[in-house]
N, C-alpha and C. Protein backbone atom coordinates (compact mmCIF):
# COMPACT_ATOMS: atom_id res chain seq x y z
N MET A 1 14.05 28.19 16.54
CA MET A 1 12.61 28.32 16.33
C MET A 1 12.31 29.47 15.71
N SER A 2 11.32 29.62 14.75
CA SER A 2 11.02 30.75 14.04
C SER A 2 9.90 31.58 14.68
N PRO A 3 9.93 32.85 14.47
CA PRO A 3 8.99 33.74 15.15
C PRO A 3 7.62 33.31 14.71
N LYS A 4 6.65 33.36 15.74
CA LYS A 4 5.34 33.10 15.29
C LYS A 4 4.69 34.17 14.53
N VAL A 5 4.03 33.86 13.32
CA VAL A 5 3.43 34.94 12.60
C VAL A 5 1.95 34.49 12.25
N LEU A 6 1.38 33.51 12.87
CA LEU A 6 0.10 33.22 12.67
C LEU A 6 -0.88 34.04 13.35
N ALA A 7 -2.00 34.29 12.67
CA ALA A 7 -3.00 35.20 13.33
C ALA A 7 -3.73 34.52 14.46
N ARG A 8 -3.70 35.20 15.65
CA ARG A 8 -4.31 34.54 16.92
C ARG A 8 -5.76 34.29 16.86
N ASP A 9 -6.49 35.07 15.90
CA ASP A 9 -7.85 34.83 15.93
C ASP A 9 -8.26 33.88 14.61
N MET A 10 -7.38 33.09 14.08
CA MET A 10 -7.57 32.29 12.98
C MET A 10 -8.30 31.02 13.33
N SER A 11 -9.37 30.71 12.52
CA SER A 11 -10.12 29.42 12.83
C SER A 11 -9.40 28.33 12.32
N LYS A 12 -9.85 26.99 12.66
CA LYS A 12 -9.47 25.83 12.19
C LYS A 12 -9.61 25.73 10.63
N ARG A 13 -10.84 25.98 10.08
CA ARG A 13 -11.08 26.00 8.73
C ARG A 13 -10.19 27.03 8.00
N SER A 14 -10.00 28.11 8.40
CA SER A 14 -9.16 29.27 7.72
C SER A 14 -7.68 28.76 7.71
N TYR A 15 -7.34 28.14 8.80
CA TYR A 15 -5.92 27.54 8.87
C TYR A 15 -5.59 26.59 7.92
N ILE A 16 -6.77 25.62 7.65
CA ILE A 16 -6.62 24.70 6.60
C ILE A 16 -6.61 25.23 5.18
N VAL A 17 -7.64 26.19 4.99
CA VAL A 17 -7.81 26.75 3.67
C VAL A 17 -6.61 27.67 3.22
N LYS A 18 -6.16 28.48 4.15
CA LYS A 18 -5.16 29.42 3.71
C LYS A 18 -3.83 29.03 3.93
N CYS A 19 -3.42 28.08 5.05
CA CYS A 19 -2.18 27.78 5.23
C CYS A 19 -1.70 26.45 4.81
N LEU A 20 -2.49 25.55 5.09
CA LEU A 20 -2.30 24.05 4.83
C LEU A 20 -2.45 23.67 3.42
N SER A 21 -3.72 24.05 2.90
CA SER A 21 -3.92 23.48 1.56
C SER A 21 -3.01 23.90 0.45
N PRO A 22 -2.63 25.24 0.43
CA PRO A 22 -1.61 25.63 -0.50
C PRO A 22 -0.21 24.64 -0.56
N ILE A 23 0.09 24.23 0.69
CA ILE A 23 1.36 23.52 0.73
C ILE A 23 1.06 22.01 0.24
N LEU A 24 -0.18 21.39 0.42
CA LEU A 24 -0.38 20.13 -0.10
C LEU A 24 -0.89 20.15 -1.58
N ARG A 25 -1.37 21.23 -2.02
CA ARG A 25 -1.81 21.39 -3.45
C ARG A 25 -0.56 21.58 -4.32
N SER A 26 0.63 22.12 -3.82
CA SER A 26 1.80 22.28 -4.69
C SER A 26 2.45 20.86 -4.69
N PHE A 27 2.14 20.10 -3.61
CA PHE A 27 2.72 18.59 -3.77
C PHE A 27 1.70 17.75 -4.74
N ARG A 28 0.57 17.98 -4.74
CA ARG A 28 -0.36 17.35 -5.61
C ARG A 28 -0.07 17.72 -7.12
N ASN A 29 0.20 19.06 -7.29
CA ASN A 29 0.41 19.44 -8.72
C ASN A 29 1.67 19.04 -9.23
N THR A 30 2.50 18.59 -8.39
CA THR A 30 3.81 17.99 -8.80
C THR A 30 3.88 16.61 -9.28
N PHE A 31 2.87 15.81 -8.58
CA PHE A 31 2.79 14.47 -8.88
C PHE A 31 1.28 14.04 -9.47
N SER A 32 1.19 13.68 -10.67
CA SER A 32 -0.06 13.45 -11.44
C SER A 32 -0.70 12.28 -10.93
N GLU A 33 -0.07 11.37 -10.16
CA GLU A 33 -0.72 9.98 -9.77
C GLU A 33 -1.69 10.19 -8.48
N ILE A 34 -1.66 11.32 -7.79
CA ILE A 34 -2.42 11.36 -6.69
C ILE A 34 -3.44 12.48 -6.93
N ARG A 35 -4.65 12.31 -5.97
CA ARG A 35 -5.69 13.23 -5.86
C ARG A 35 -5.76 13.86 -4.43
N TYR A 36 -6.10 15.13 -4.28
CA TYR A 36 -6.14 15.81 -2.92
C TYR A 36 -7.33 16.25 -2.69
N GLU A 37 -8.00 15.89 -1.56
CA GLU A 37 -9.23 16.23 -0.94
C GLU A 37 -9.06 16.95 0.37
N GLN A 38 -9.93 17.89 0.55
CA GLN A 38 -9.66 18.69 1.95
C GLN A 38 -11.04 18.81 2.69
N ILE A 39 -10.83 19.25 3.88
CA ILE A 39 -11.78 19.58 4.88
C ILE A 39 -12.95 18.45 5.12
N GLU A 40 -12.65 17.76 6.34
CA GLU A 40 -13.69 16.85 6.66
C GLU A 40 -14.29 15.77 5.73
N LYS A 41 -13.26 15.19 5.13
CA LYS A 41 -13.60 14.11 4.10
C LYS A 41 -13.87 12.79 4.75
N ASN A 42 -15.08 12.16 4.38
CA ASN A 42 -15.38 10.91 5.00
C ASN A 42 -14.51 9.80 4.69
N ILE A 43 -14.02 9.06 5.70
CA ILE A 43 -13.19 7.88 5.48
C ILE A 43 -14.24 6.64 5.50
N ILE A 44 -14.59 6.16 4.35
CA ILE A 44 -15.59 5.12 4.28
C ILE A 44 -15.20 3.73 4.01
N LYS A 45 -14.51 3.70 2.76
CA LYS A 45 -14.13 2.33 2.27
C LYS A 45 -13.28 1.44 3.30
N SER A 46 -12.13 2.12 3.76
CA SER A 46 -11.32 1.21 4.65
C SER A 46 -12.09 0.90 5.87
N ILE A 47 -12.82 1.63 6.51
CA ILE A 47 -13.48 1.43 7.80
C ILE A 47 -14.66 0.46 7.52
N ARG A 48 -15.41 0.51 6.36
CA ARG A 48 -16.46 -0.45 6.13
C ARG A 48 -15.84 -1.83 5.87
N ASN A 49 -14.66 -1.99 5.19
CA ASN A 49 -14.04 -3.21 4.86
C ASN A 49 -13.64 -3.85 6.20
N VAL A 50 -12.99 -3.18 7.24
CA VAL A 50 -12.53 -3.54 8.42
C VAL A 50 -13.70 -3.99 9.28
N ASN A 51 -14.93 -3.29 9.20
CA ASN A 51 -16.16 -3.76 9.93
C ASN A 51 -16.60 -5.13 9.36
N ASN A 52 -16.45 -5.33 8.11
CA ASN A 52 -16.91 -6.46 7.53
C ASN A 52 -16.07 -7.80 7.86
N ILE A 53 -14.57 -7.46 7.77
CA ILE A 53 -13.63 -8.49 8.12
C ILE A 53 -13.58 -8.96 9.52
N PHE A 54 -13.88 -7.99 10.41
CA PHE A 54 -13.71 -8.44 11.89
C PHE A 54 -15.05 -8.25 12.62
N ALA A 55 -16.05 -8.15 11.90
CA ALA A 55 -17.47 -8.20 12.35
C ALA A 55 -17.59 -7.20 13.58
N ILE A 56 -17.01 -6.04 13.48
CA ILE A 56 -17.14 -4.93 14.42
C ILE A 56 -17.86 -3.73 13.89
N ASN A 57 -18.00 -2.75 14.74
CA ASN A 57 -18.79 -1.55 14.23
C ASN A 57 -18.09 -0.33 14.50
N ILE A 58 -17.01 0.04 13.84
CA ILE A 58 -16.26 1.32 13.81
C ILE A 58 -17.16 2.35 13.22
N LYS A 59 -17.40 3.52 13.78
CA LYS A 59 -18.14 4.58 13.11
C LYS A 59 -17.30 5.25 11.99
N ILE A 60 -18.03 5.57 10.84
CA ILE A 60 -17.34 6.30 9.84
C ILE A 60 -16.77 7.66 10.29
N GLN A 61 -15.56 7.75 9.98
CA GLN A 61 -14.74 9.09 10.68
C GLN A 61 -14.48 9.92 9.33
N LYS A 62 -14.15 11.13 9.77
CA LYS A 62 -13.75 12.31 8.83
C LYS A 62 -12.32 12.69 9.08
N THR A 63 -11.73 12.98 8.05
CA THR A 63 -10.24 13.56 8.13
C THR A 63 -10.20 14.87 7.55
N ASP A 64 -9.36 15.65 8.07
CA ASP A 64 -9.28 17.18 7.57
C ASP A 64 -8.78 17.22 6.20
N LEU A 65 -7.81 16.51 5.94
CA LEU A 65 -7.24 16.48 4.57
C LEU A 65 -6.85 14.95 4.08
N LEU A 66 -7.09 14.63 2.81
CA LEU A 66 -6.74 13.31 2.34
C LEU A 66 -6.14 13.28 0.94
N VAL A 67 -5.24 12.43 0.83
CA VAL A 67 -4.47 12.24 -0.54
C VAL A 67 -4.90 10.79 -0.94
N LEU A 68 -5.23 10.74 -2.17
CA LEU A 68 -5.59 9.39 -2.79
C LEU A 68 -4.84 9.16 -4.00
N ARG A 69 -4.42 7.78 -4.12
CA ARG A 69 -3.80 7.32 -5.37
C ARG A 69 -4.76 7.19 -6.45
N LEU A 70 -4.61 7.83 -7.51
CA LEU A 70 -5.67 7.87 -8.55
C LEU A 70 -5.89 6.39 -9.36
N LEU A 71 -4.78 5.58 -9.29
CA LEU A 71 -4.96 4.33 -9.94
C LEU A 71 -6.03 3.40 -9.44
N ASP A 72 -6.23 3.46 -8.02
CA ASP A 72 -7.29 2.67 -7.40
C ASP A 72 -8.04 3.41 -6.37
N ILE A 73 -7.82 4.49 -6.33
CA ILE A 73 -8.43 5.48 -5.32
C ILE A 73 -8.29 4.89 -3.83
N THR A 74 -6.92 4.43 -3.58
CA THR A 74 -6.53 4.15 -2.32
C THR A 74 -6.02 5.29 -1.55
N GLU A 75 -6.44 5.32 -0.17
CA GLU A 75 -6.01 6.44 0.69
C GLU A 75 -4.61 6.17 1.15
N ILE A 76 -3.72 7.09 0.80
CA ILE A 76 -2.43 6.95 1.01
C ILE A 76 -1.75 7.88 2.01
N LEU A 77 -2.44 9.05 2.33
CA LEU A 77 -2.04 10.03 3.34
C LEU A 77 -3.25 10.53 3.93
N HIS A 78 -3.41 10.56 5.32
CA HIS A 78 -4.25 11.25 6.01
C HIS A 78 -3.81 12.40 6.74
N VAL A 79 -4.53 13.54 6.85
CA VAL A 79 -3.96 14.65 7.64
C VAL A 79 -5.03 15.10 8.66
N GLU A 80 -4.67 15.27 10.02
CA GLU A 80 -5.46 15.86 10.96
C GLU A 80 -5.04 17.05 11.54
N VAL A 81 -5.87 18.01 11.76
CA VAL A 81 -5.38 19.40 12.35
C VAL A 81 -6.02 19.54 13.72
N SER A 82 -5.21 19.61 14.70
CA SER A 82 -5.70 19.75 16.16
C SER A 82 -6.12 21.25 16.25
N ARG A 83 -7.10 21.62 15.89
CA ARG A 83 -7.82 22.86 16.14
C ARG A 83 -7.09 24.12 15.55
N PRO A 84 -7.36 25.27 15.83
CA PRO A 84 -6.77 26.42 15.30
C PRO A 84 -5.15 26.51 15.89
N PRO A 85 -4.30 27.20 15.14
CA PRO A 85 -2.87 27.16 15.39
C PRO A 85 -2.54 27.57 16.82
N TYR A 86 -3.41 28.45 17.40
CA TYR A 86 -2.89 29.05 18.68
C TYR A 86 -3.77 28.40 19.85
N LYS A 87 -4.56 27.36 19.43
CA LYS A 87 -5.48 26.86 20.46
C LYS A 87 -5.49 25.30 20.64
N PRO A 88 -4.30 24.71 20.42
CA PRO A 88 -4.24 23.37 20.57
C PRO A 88 -4.47 22.82 22.05
N GLU A 89 -5.38 22.06 22.31
CA GLU A 89 -5.77 21.69 23.53
C GLU A 89 -5.28 20.11 23.81
N LYS A 90 -4.64 19.85 24.88
CA LYS A 90 -4.06 18.42 25.03
C LYS A 90 -5.09 17.41 24.83
N LYS A 91 -6.23 17.45 25.37
CA LYS A 91 -7.33 16.54 25.33
C LYS A 91 -7.78 16.30 23.91
N HIS A 92 -8.15 17.35 23.28
CA HIS A 92 -8.47 17.26 21.78
C HIS A 92 -7.32 16.78 20.98
N THR A 93 -6.06 17.18 21.20
CA THR A 93 -4.97 16.63 20.50
C THR A 93 -4.80 15.18 20.46
N VAL A 94 -4.81 14.55 21.71
CA VAL A 94 -4.71 13.33 22.08
C VAL A 94 -5.92 12.43 21.28
N ARG A 95 -7.16 13.00 21.39
CA ARG A 95 -8.23 12.24 20.69
C ARG A 95 -7.96 12.24 19.17
N GLU A 96 -7.45 13.26 18.57
CA GLU A 96 -7.20 13.56 17.16
C GLU A 96 -6.08 12.50 16.70
N ALA A 97 -5.14 12.37 17.72
CA ALA A 97 -4.06 11.42 17.31
C ALA A 97 -4.51 10.14 17.19
N LYS A 98 -5.42 9.76 18.29
CA LYS A 98 -5.92 8.36 18.29
C LYS A 98 -6.78 8.08 17.05
N LYS A 99 -7.49 9.10 16.75
CA LYS A 99 -8.47 8.85 15.59
C LYS A 99 -7.58 8.50 14.27
N LEU A 100 -6.44 9.44 14.04
CA LEU A 100 -5.67 9.34 13.07
C LEU A 100 -4.95 7.96 12.93
N LEU A 101 -4.49 7.43 14.23
CA LEU A 101 -3.91 6.07 14.17
C LEU A 101 -4.94 5.01 13.83
N MET A 102 -6.20 5.08 14.33
CA MET A 102 -7.16 4.26 14.05
C MET A 102 -7.53 4.20 12.52
N ILE A 103 -7.62 5.37 11.75
CA ILE A 103 -8.00 5.37 10.37
C ILE A 103 -6.83 4.84 9.77
N ALA A 104 -5.42 5.03 10.01
CA ALA A 104 -4.33 4.34 9.41
C ALA A 104 -4.33 2.77 9.47
N VAL A 105 -4.64 2.36 10.78
CA VAL A 105 -4.86 0.95 10.97
C VAL A 105 -5.81 0.30 10.04
N CYS A 106 -6.87 0.86 10.03
CA CYS A 106 -8.09 0.43 9.23
C CYS A 106 -7.73 0.28 7.77
N ASN A 107 -6.91 1.39 7.19
CA ASN A 107 -6.68 1.29 5.91
C ASN A 107 -5.45 0.26 5.73
N LEU A 108 -4.55 0.16 6.62
CA LEU A 108 -3.46 -0.93 6.54
C LEU A 108 -4.17 -2.37 6.51
N CYS A 109 -5.17 -2.52 7.43
CA CYS A 109 -5.92 -3.91 7.34
C CYS A 109 -6.61 -4.17 6.03
N ARG A 110 -7.13 -3.05 5.48
CA ARG A 110 -7.89 -3.28 4.17
C ARG A 110 -6.92 -3.67 3.15
N ILE A 111 -5.74 -3.13 3.01
CA ILE A 111 -4.76 -3.54 2.10
C ILE A 111 -4.22 -4.93 2.21
N LEU A 112 -3.88 -5.33 3.49
CA LEU A 112 -3.30 -6.58 3.73
C LEU A 112 -4.41 -7.60 3.69
N ALA A 113 -5.61 -7.29 3.93
CA ALA A 113 -6.65 -8.20 3.64
C ALA A 113 -7.00 -8.67 2.06
N ASN A 114 -6.56 -7.59 1.31
CA ASN A 114 -6.66 -7.94 -0.14
C ASN A 114 -5.56 -8.83 -0.64
N ASN A 115 -4.54 -9.00 0.28
CA ASN A 115 -3.37 -9.69 -0.04
C ASN A 115 -2.90 -10.79 0.99
N PHE A 116 -3.98 -11.58 1.31
CA PHE A 116 -3.75 -12.59 2.32
C PHE A 116 -2.67 -13.73 1.93
N ASP A 117 -2.48 -14.00 0.74
CA ASP A 117 -1.61 -14.93 0.38
C ASP A 117 -0.27 -14.53 0.17
N CYS A 118 0.04 -13.24 0.38
CA CYS A 118 1.42 -12.74 0.27
C CYS A 118 2.19 -13.09 1.43
N LEU A 119 3.65 -13.15 1.11
CA LEU A 119 4.65 -13.46 2.06
C LEU A 119 4.57 -12.43 3.32
N ILE A 120 4.68 -13.07 4.64
CA ILE A 120 4.54 -12.22 5.68
C ILE A 120 5.77 -11.11 5.62
N GLU A 121 6.87 -11.54 5.12
CA GLU A 121 8.09 -10.59 4.94
C GLU A 121 7.68 -9.39 4.14
N ILE A 122 6.83 -9.47 3.19
CA ILE A 122 6.39 -8.50 2.33
C ILE A 122 5.44 -7.51 3.05
N THR A 123 4.43 -8.28 3.74
CA THR A 123 3.26 -7.54 4.28
C THR A 123 3.80 -6.58 5.49
N LYS A 124 4.93 -7.15 6.14
CA LYS A 124 5.35 -6.25 7.13
C LYS A 124 6.09 -5.04 6.78
N LYS A 125 6.25 -4.83 5.42
CA LYS A 125 7.05 -3.76 4.98
C LYS A 125 5.85 -2.56 4.49
N VAL A 126 4.51 -3.09 4.45
CA VAL A 126 3.53 -2.11 3.99
C VAL A 126 3.45 -1.06 5.10
N LYS A 127 3.54 0.26 4.55
CA LYS A 127 3.07 1.29 5.59
C LYS A 127 2.15 2.34 5.10
N LEU A 128 1.38 2.97 6.00
CA LEU A 128 0.46 3.84 5.74
C LEU A 128 0.93 5.18 6.35
N TYR A 129 0.80 6.31 5.68
CA TYR A 129 1.23 7.65 6.09
C TYR A 129 0.32 8.54 6.65
N SER A 130 0.65 9.36 7.69
CA SER A 130 -0.32 10.23 8.25
C SER A 130 0.56 11.48 8.54
N ILE A 131 -0.16 12.60 8.56
CA ILE A 131 0.48 13.96 9.09
C ILE A 131 -0.57 14.47 10.08
N GLN A 132 0.04 14.72 11.43
CA GLN A 132 -0.62 15.39 12.42
C GLN A 132 -0.05 16.76 12.46
N ILE A 133 -1.10 17.75 12.62
CA ILE A 133 -0.69 19.22 12.64
C ILE A 133 -1.20 19.66 14.03
N ILE A 134 -0.17 20.11 14.76
CA ILE A 134 -0.33 20.63 16.17
C ILE A 134 0.17 22.08 16.14
N GLY A 135 -0.60 23.13 16.25
CA GLY A 135 0.02 24.47 16.28
C GLY A 135 0.62 24.69 14.76
N ASP A 136 1.95 25.06 14.76
CA ASP A 136 2.56 25.30 13.56
C ASP A 136 3.32 24.21 13.11
N LYS A 137 3.26 23.03 13.62
CA LYS A 137 4.05 21.90 13.42
C LYS A 137 3.39 20.85 12.71
N LEU A 138 4.02 20.24 11.53
CA LEU A 138 3.45 19.24 10.76
C LEU A 138 4.42 18.05 11.09
N THR A 139 3.87 16.97 11.56
CA THR A 139 4.56 15.73 11.88
C THR A 139 4.15 14.55 10.91
N LEU A 140 5.05 14.13 10.14
CA LEU A 140 4.87 13.01 9.31
C LEU A 140 5.26 11.67 10.05
N PHE A 141 4.33 10.75 9.97
CA PHE A 141 4.55 9.47 10.62
C PHE A 141 4.10 8.36 9.89
N ALA A 142 4.61 7.07 9.96
CA ALA A 142 4.20 5.97 9.31
C ALA A 142 3.49 4.86 10.23
N ILE A 143 2.62 4.08 9.95
CA ILE A 143 2.06 3.05 10.55
C ILE A 143 2.42 1.72 9.85
N LEU A 144 2.83 0.59 10.51
CA LEU A 144 3.14 -0.64 9.88
C LEU A 144 2.81 -1.75 10.92
N LEU A 145 2.53 -3.04 10.30
CA LEU A 145 2.22 -4.13 11.15
C LEU A 145 3.54 -4.80 11.56
N ILE A 146 3.66 -5.02 13.00
CA ILE A 146 4.98 -5.74 13.34
C ILE A 146 4.75 -7.11 13.98
N ASP A 147 3.59 -7.37 14.37
CA ASP A 147 3.14 -8.77 14.83
C ASP A 147 1.68 -9.02 14.86
N ASN A 148 1.25 -9.94 15.39
CA ASN A 148 -0.37 -10.14 15.31
C ASN A 148 -0.98 -9.11 16.13
N LYS A 149 -1.91 -8.30 15.61
CA LYS A 149 -2.49 -7.19 16.30
C LYS A 149 -1.70 -6.14 16.93
N LYS A 150 -0.52 -6.10 16.46
CA LYS A 150 0.63 -5.11 17.12
C LYS A 150 1.02 -4.20 15.84
N TYR A 151 0.95 -2.99 16.04
CA TYR A 151 1.34 -1.98 15.06
C TYR A 151 2.29 -0.98 15.66
N LEU A 152 3.18 -0.35 14.73
CA LEU A 152 4.09 0.47 15.04
C LEU A 152 3.85 1.73 14.47
N ALA A 153 4.09 2.85 15.19
CA ALA A 153 3.99 4.30 14.59
C ALA A 153 5.49 4.83 14.52
N ILE A 154 5.93 5.32 13.50
CA ILE A 154 7.42 5.78 13.33
C ILE A 154 7.38 7.23 12.88
N LYS A 155 7.97 8.15 13.66
CA LYS A 155 7.97 9.41 13.19
C LYS A 155 9.08 9.68 12.06
N LEU A 156 8.79 10.26 10.95
CA LEU A 156 9.60 10.40 9.84
C LEU A 156 10.18 11.77 9.65
N ALA A 157 9.25 12.73 10.01
CA ALA A 157 9.80 14.24 9.69
C ALA A 157 8.89 15.25 10.36
N LEU A 158 9.58 16.24 10.59
CA LEU A 158 8.76 17.44 11.32
C LEU A 158 9.13 18.78 10.56
N TYR A 159 8.04 19.58 10.29
CA TYR A 159 8.22 20.81 9.48
C TYR A 159 7.33 21.83 10.09
N ILE A 160 7.97 23.06 10.25
CA ILE A 160 7.22 24.21 10.73
C ILE A 160 6.91 25.03 9.81
N ILE A 161 5.58 25.50 9.69
CA ILE A 161 5.04 26.44 8.75
C ILE A 161 4.87 27.70 9.26
N LEU A 162 4.78 28.74 8.33
CA LEU A 162 4.58 30.13 8.48
C LEU A 162 5.62 30.75 9.44
N TYR A 163 6.56 31.37 8.72
CA TYR A 163 7.78 31.90 9.43
C TYR A 163 8.01 33.37 8.80
N SER A 164 8.94 33.99 9.49
CA SER A 164 9.25 35.45 8.98
C SER A 164 10.17 35.34 7.81
N LEU A 165 10.52 36.60 7.22
CA LEU A 165 11.25 36.57 5.97
C LEU A 165 12.60 36.34 6.44
N LYS A 166 13.06 36.54 7.62
CA LYS A 166 14.54 36.30 8.05
C LYS A 166 14.78 34.87 8.09
N THR A 167 13.82 33.99 8.37
CA THR A 167 14.01 32.50 8.50
C THR A 167 13.97 31.80 7.16
N ILE A 168 14.72 32.18 6.23
CA ILE A 168 14.50 31.56 4.84
C ILE A 168 14.84 30.03 4.95
N ARG A 169 15.70 29.68 5.86
CA ARG A 169 16.10 28.23 5.89
C ARG A 169 14.80 27.35 6.20
N CYS A 170 13.78 27.77 6.96
CA CYS A 170 12.50 27.10 7.08
C CYS A 170 11.84 26.88 5.83
N TYR A 171 11.94 27.86 4.89
CA TYR A 171 11.31 27.74 3.59
C TYR A 171 11.89 26.59 2.91
N THR A 172 13.25 26.45 2.85
CA THR A 172 13.81 25.30 2.12
C THR A 172 13.48 23.99 2.71
N LYS A 173 13.16 23.82 3.95
CA LYS A 173 12.85 22.61 4.55
C LYS A 173 11.63 21.92 4.04
N ILE A 174 10.72 22.67 3.51
CA ILE A 174 9.50 22.19 2.91
C ILE A 174 9.78 21.36 1.78
N PHE A 175 10.83 21.62 1.04
CA PHE A 175 11.28 20.65 -0.05
C PHE A 175 11.75 19.45 0.30
N ASN A 176 12.58 19.33 1.52
CA ASN A 176 12.85 18.11 2.02
C ASN A 176 11.81 17.33 2.65
N PHE A 177 10.83 17.99 3.14
CA PHE A 177 9.64 17.32 3.72
C PHE A 177 8.91 16.68 2.67
N PHE A 178 8.70 17.24 1.40
CA PHE A 178 8.04 16.85 0.32
C PHE A 178 8.93 15.64 -0.24
N LYS A 179 10.32 15.67 -0.33
CA LYS A 179 11.09 14.77 -0.75
C LYS A 179 10.99 13.40 0.01
N ILE A 180 10.81 13.53 1.37
CA ILE A 180 10.71 12.47 2.24
C ILE A 180 9.27 11.66 1.92
N ILE A 181 8.17 12.51 1.76
CA ILE A 181 6.82 11.91 1.50
C ILE A 181 6.94 11.28 0.10
N ARG A 182 7.61 11.85 -0.93
CA ARG A 182 7.54 11.28 -2.35
C ARG A 182 8.43 10.07 -2.25
N ASN A 183 9.55 9.88 -1.59
CA ASN A 183 10.35 8.74 -1.44
C ASN A 183 9.58 7.64 -0.80
N LYS A 184 8.70 7.93 0.21
CA LYS A 184 8.04 6.90 0.88
C LYS A 184 6.84 6.34 0.02
N PHE A 185 6.28 7.20 -0.81
CA PHE A 185 5.44 6.80 -1.71
C PHE A 185 5.84 5.87 -2.79
N VAL A 186 6.99 6.14 -3.28
CA VAL A 186 7.69 5.31 -4.34
C VAL A 186 8.04 4.09 -3.70
N GLU A 187 8.57 4.08 -2.48
CA GLU A 187 8.80 2.71 -1.77
C GLU A 187 7.50 1.90 -1.76
N GLN A 188 6.36 2.31 -1.40
CA GLN A 188 5.15 1.55 -1.24
C GLN A 188 4.79 1.14 -2.72
N GLU A 189 4.98 2.04 -3.67
CA GLU A 189 4.57 1.64 -5.04
C GLU A 189 5.26 0.41 -5.51
N LYS A 190 6.61 0.33 -5.20
CA LYS A 190 7.52 -0.82 -5.59
C LYS A 190 7.02 -1.95 -4.76
N LEU A 191 6.54 -1.82 -3.65
CA LEU A 191 6.07 -2.91 -2.67
C LEU A 191 4.73 -3.43 -3.36
N LEU A 192 3.98 -2.68 -3.79
CA LEU A 192 2.50 -3.01 -4.57
C LEU A 192 2.94 -3.83 -5.69
N GLU A 193 4.10 -3.51 -6.33
CA GLU A 193 4.40 -4.32 -7.57
C GLU A 193 4.79 -5.67 -7.19
N LYS A 194 5.39 -5.83 -5.98
CA LYS A 194 5.86 -7.16 -5.50
C LYS A 194 4.52 -8.04 -5.05
N PHE A 195 3.61 -7.30 -4.55
CA PHE A 195 2.29 -7.86 -4.29
C PHE A 195 1.71 -8.58 -5.46
N CYS A 196 1.69 -7.53 -6.52
CA CYS A 196 1.01 -8.04 -7.76
C CYS A 196 1.71 -9.26 -8.30
N SER A 197 3.09 -9.15 -8.42
CA SER A 197 3.92 -10.25 -8.95
C SER A 197 3.69 -11.57 -8.23
N PHE A 198 3.62 -11.26 -7.00
CA PHE A 198 3.51 -12.63 -6.03
C PHE A 198 2.06 -13.32 -6.35
N MET A 199 1.21 -12.34 -6.41
CA MET A 199 -0.18 -12.99 -6.69
C MET A 199 -0.36 -13.60 -8.00
N LEU A 200 0.35 -13.04 -9.04
CA LEU A 200 0.26 -13.70 -10.29
C LEU A 200 1.06 -14.95 -10.32
N SER A 201 2.16 -15.23 -9.56
CA SER A 201 2.84 -16.48 -9.42
C SER A 201 2.04 -17.30 -8.67
N VAL A 202 1.29 -17.00 -7.76
CA VAL A 202 0.39 -17.89 -6.96
C VAL A 202 -0.61 -18.47 -7.89
N ASN A 203 -1.13 -17.59 -8.69
CA ASN A 203 -2.41 -17.84 -9.56
C ASN A 203 -1.77 -18.87 -10.74
N ASP A 204 -0.66 -18.77 -11.02
CA ASP A 204 -0.10 -19.59 -12.04
C ASP A 204 0.11 -20.97 -11.53
N ASP A 205 0.60 -21.08 -10.31
CA ASP A 205 0.94 -22.34 -9.64
C ASP A 205 -0.47 -23.10 -9.40
N THR A 206 -1.61 -22.33 -8.91
CA THR A 206 -2.81 -23.14 -8.58
C THR A 206 -3.45 -23.53 -9.95
N SER A 207 -3.16 -22.81 -11.00
CA SER A 207 -3.85 -23.11 -12.24
C SER A 207 -3.43 -24.54 -12.82
N ASP A 208 -2.11 -24.82 -12.28
CA ASP A 208 -1.47 -26.20 -12.80
C ASP A 208 -2.18 -27.40 -12.06
N LEU A 209 -2.80 -27.10 -10.86
CA LEU A 209 -3.36 -28.24 -10.00
C LEU A 209 -4.48 -28.94 -10.72
């Protein structure tokens, strides 16, 4: 475990701006296909779609940090910060985790709803990614559909931020963290290509009828 070097009086907003944003900005600057937005960004499109599909009324939510795919402005990564680094409260952390899961499920439903005709074997491979930040720990996890109205959350990676000069190995781990995220994004891009090719084949078949 690395020594704690975070300021004890740091606010949540300062934590995001000074510590977390530079990490995600470096990731964004590496890959031109994505856009990065920060601090209380409204999640509107996916929640509205889910409300329309299921005739329910989920309130519009805000996420602390958001990564979008530029091609179609699809939400591909949500980030929630559980208060300032030295003041994570269990009740608040649980509430933030539930919100993050709900946002991911809504976005997953939106993607699947746009591909109703696709094979179930392909749809079950679609994943949405989120990062929950509690204290100095960043946890990357994925959400996927496993059965009717059943979803699975899988922990993929853990990274600890802000460390002393002596713990250089912690610095190198961020590259592995980015590598995991990048590989997962590439997997989903290939899956979307399967979606497109499948839909084209379905359209070709129906045009002959």
